[in-house]
Amino acid sequence: MIKALIYTIKMVEIFKTNVIHYHQSILLVEKLKYHFPTSHINFDLEDCDRILRIEDAFVPVEETVRLMNLYGYDCEVLH
């Protein structure tokens, strides 16, 4: 029996934000997961850029920035 290996290519996008508090990041992850349910989303608030990291097969960069702005936070892609 031959087993096929299926590889899923994942993108990782890194965003600079102005999220400061842990409880804010938890609420934002919940809100973003509603819009991007297949994505792995987390914050690194110890980084000086208050990193938002989203991993998925496709990461909607413009929609992420728009949503973060809608929720009252600054958000820009780090290159």
C-alpha atoms as a PDB file:
ATOM      1  CA  MET A   1       0.000   0.000   0.000  1.00  0.00           C
ATOM      2  CA  ILE A   2       1.342   3.405  -0.980  1.00  0.00           C
ATOM      3  CA  LYS A   3       0.508   6.320   1.246  1.00  0.00           C
ATOM      4  CA  ALA A   4       0.358   9.752  -0.279  1.00  0.00           C
ATOM      5  CA  LEU A   5       1.904  12.600   1.616  1.00  0.00           C
ATOM      6  CA  ILE A   6      -0.028  15.815   1.452  1.00  0.00           C
ATOM      7  CA  TYR A   7       1.826  18.989   2.242  1.00  0.00           C
ATOM      8  CA  THR A   8       0.014  22.185   3.010  1.00  0.00           C
ATOM      9  CA  ILE A   9       2.020  25.298   2.402  1.00  0.00           C
ATOM     10  CA  LYS A  10       1.463  27.805   5.140  1.00  0.00           C
ATOM     11  CA  MET A  11       2.091  31.518   5.004  1.00  0.00           C
ATOM     12  CA  VAL A  12       3.103  33.480   8.061  1.00  0.00           C
ATOM     13  CA  GLU A  13       2.416  37.192   8.167  1.00  0.00           C
ATOM     14  CA  ILE A  14       3.854  39.389  10.898  1.00  0.00           C
ATOM     15  CA  PHE A  15       2.212  42.665  11.859  1.00  0.00           C
ATOM     16  CA  LYS A  16       3.383  45.520  14.071  1.00  0.00           C
ATOM     17  CA  THR A  17       0.607  46.668  16.429  1.00  0.00           C
ATOM     18  CA  ASN A  18       0.032  48.948  19.383  1.00  0.00           C
ATOM     19  CA  VAL A  19      -1.679  46.287  21.517  1.00  0.00           C
ATOM     20  CA  ILE A  20      -0.298  46.619  25.045  1.00  0.00           C
ATOM     21  CA  HIS A  21      -2.198  44.364  27.425  1.00  0.00           C
ATOM     22  CA  TYR A  22      -2.555  40.596  27.463  1.00  0.00           C
ATOM     23  CA  HIS A  23      -6.338  40.733  27.939  1.00  0.00           C
ATOM     24  CA  GLN A  24      -6.624  42.916  24.811  1.00  0.00           C
ATOM     25  CA  SER A  25      -4.668  40.346  22.792  1.00  0.00           C
ATOM     26  CA  ILE A  26      -6.926  37.511  23.959  1.00  0.00           C
ATOM     27  CA  LEU A  27     -10.065  39.393  22.870  1.00  0.00           C
ATOM     28  CA  LEU A  28      -8.483  40.333  19.534  1.00  0.00           C
ATOM     29  CA  VAL A  29      -7.459  36.739  18.815  1.00  0.00           C
ATOM     30  CA  GLU A  30     -11.074  35.665  19.421  1.00  0.00           C
ATOM     31  CA  LYS A  31     -12.394  38.385  17.102  1.00  0.00           C
ATOM     32  CA  LEU A  32      -9.858  37.630  14.363  1.00  0.00           C
ATOM     33  CA  LYS A  33     -10.499  33.874  14.634  1.00  0.00           C
ATOM     34  CA  TYR A  34     -14.169  34.609  13.912  1.00  0.00           C
ATOM     35  CA  HIS A  35     -13.130  36.098  10.567  1.00  0.00           C
ATOM     36  CA  PHE A  36     -10.256  33.678   9.882  1.00  0.00           C
ATOM     37  CA  PRO A  37     -11.317  30.391  11.511  1.00  0.00           C
ATOM     38  CA  THR A  38      -8.586  28.236   9.940  1.00  0.00           C
ATOM     39  CA  SER A  39      -5.756  30.576  10.949  1.00  0.00           C
ATOM     40  CA  HIS A  40      -3.329  30.152  13.812  1.00  0.00           C
ATOM     41  CA  ILE A  41      -3.215  33.608  15.447  1.00  0.00           C
ATOM     42  CA  ASN A  42      -1.149  34.914  18.337  1.00  0.00           C
ATOM     43  CA  PHE A  43       0.526  37.999  19.767  1.00  0.00           C
ATOM     44  CA  ASP A  44       4.042  38.534  21.074  1.00  0.00           C
ATOM     45  CA  LEU A  45       3.596  41.509  23.371  1.00  0.00           C
ATOM     46  CA  GLU A  46       7.128  41.220  24.756  1.00  0.00           C
ATOM     47  CA  ASP A  47       8.525  42.228  21.355  1.00  0.00           C
ATOM     48  CA  CYS A  48       9.016  45.995  20.949  1.00  0.00           C
ATOM     49  CA  ASP A  49       6.710  45.894  17.893  1.00  0.00           C
ATOM     50  CA  ARG A  50       3.849  44.163  19.787  1.00  0.00           C
ATOM     51  CA  ILE A  51       3.746  41.444  17.123  1.00  0.00           C
ATOM     52  CA  LEU A  52       0.566  39.930  15.721  1.00  0.00           C
ATOM     53  CA  ARG A  53       1.362  36.672  13.909  1.00  0.00           C
ATOM     54  CA  ILE A  54      -1.097  34.929  11.600  1.00  0.00           C
ATOM     55  CA  GLU A  55      -0.370  31.579   9.964  1.00  0.00           C
ATOM     56  CA  ASP A  56      -2.551  29.956   7.305  1.00  0.00           C
ATOM     57  CA  ALA A  57      -2.549  28.818   3.691  1.00  0.00           C
ATOM     58  CA  PHE A  58      -3.603  32.375   2.813  1.00  0.00           C
ATOM     59  CA  VAL A  59      -3.367  35.388   5.108  1.00  0.00           C
ATOM     60  CA  PRO A  60      -5.631  38.310   4.114  1.00  0.00           C
ATOM     61  CA  VAL A  61      -3.253  41.151   4.933  1.00  0.00           C
ATOM     62  CA  GLU A  62      -5.477  44.093   3.964  1.00  0.00           C
ATOM     63  CA  GLU A  63      -8.484  42.620   5.783  1.00  0.00           C
ATOM     64  CA  THR A  64      -6.376  42.033   8.910  1.00  0.00           C
ATOM     65  CA  VAL A  65      -5.190  45.657   8.946  1.00  0.00           C
ATOM     66  CA  ARG A  66      -8.743  46.881   8.294  1.00  0.00           C
ATOM     67  CA  LEU A  67     -10.182  44.797  11.144  1.00  0.00           C
ATOM     68  CA  MET A  68      -7.483  45.810  13.610  1.00  0.00           C
ATOM     69  CA  ASN A  69      -8.083  49.477  12.728  1.00  0.00           C
ATOM     70  CA  LEU A  70     -11.847  48.928  13.120  1.00  0.00           C
ATOM     71  CA  TYR A  71     -11.190  47.505  16.612  1.00  0.00           C
ATOM     72  CA  GLY A  72      -9.202  50.652  17.468  1.00  0.00           C
ATOM     73  CA  TYR A  73      -5.617  49.442  17.039  1.00  0.00           C
ATOM     74  CA  ASP A  74      -2.746  50.343  14.761  1.00  0.00           C
ATOM     75  CA  CYS A  75      -1.566  47.498  12.544  1.00  0.00           C
ATOM     76  CA  GLU A  76       0.971  47.325   9.736  1.00  0.00           C
ATOM     77  CA  VAL A  77       2.818  44.518   7.978  1.00  0.00           C
ATOM     78  CA  LEU A  78       6.431  44.051   8.975  1.00  0.00           C
ATOM     79  CA  HIS A  79       8.722  43.253   6.067  1.00  0.00           C
END
